[in-house]
């Protein structure tokens, strides 16, 4: 049996392990949270290095791929410093491929709803989810990106790919060296609710991006919204339902009641490929085509 393990800076309350069959191969996929402790995560990678087929980095990114330009997040390097044998990925490969399907998927399954309510997308952070960003922009949505508002606390919305690329070019050489928990909630902080910029949530028909960001900042009233995200637990789904979300779309498949992060699924694909290395975008696309992976939609209200 193949084994893929995601070690996350997120809460250990979200841990999950399942065995799935992919392309005729049984794969054990497991998520291990370290409650924001980067050193615990580093030692867990060290313990399992060479014993599993692929690692995922959860609750953090090794860097941001903004269009075609890679910006490393240096503070995460120490978390993976002990890895010598097992390939490690943060989900970027699948964010680009799977999440780019988001707008076309909505057009097929929710065209009438979008015709009625408008094609307006509020993407929590666009620079680090270029698949989502390009998906909605290419489909002609009116877009608002919350990169400055949520990552840096600057209340300025962005609206175009050019603005996002300029922002990344100017700020990432500095921001990439900041402690990661300055710009992204880790551990128990991921469960805190702090509604913010509620007017933009209300403006949007579609709210898209990282599940932790959406839960943390969304208002209690999300009546009629379409949420496009990933890594949902049954508790997340219950919260979205309680707040009035109409449709929940996850970019990764739902397995035993939850969707795993792109880093976890990317690690699973590396494991089943048997190549023992990070795959190319073309290889990911080929495997996804064989598996028939596409977003999953739930009607909540």
Foldseek 3Di string as FASTA:
>chain_A
DAEEEEEELAAQVLWDWDWDAAPNDIYIFTYGHDQNDLVVLLVVLLVCAPVHAAYEYHHDAQFACQPNDTFGQVLNCSSPVNHDFHAYHHLQLVLQPLLLCVLVVCCVVPVVVCVVQHQEEEEAACRRRVSNVCSSVVVPGFYWYNQCCQQPVDPDIDTDSVVSVVCCVPPRVPNSHDNPCSRGPGGPSLVAADADPQVSLVSHQEYEYELSSCRRHYDLANANHEYEYFFDAQVSLVSCLSNHHFKYKYSADQDPRHGHGSRRVQRRLSRVVPPSYRDDSVSVVVSCVVRVRHIDMDGRD
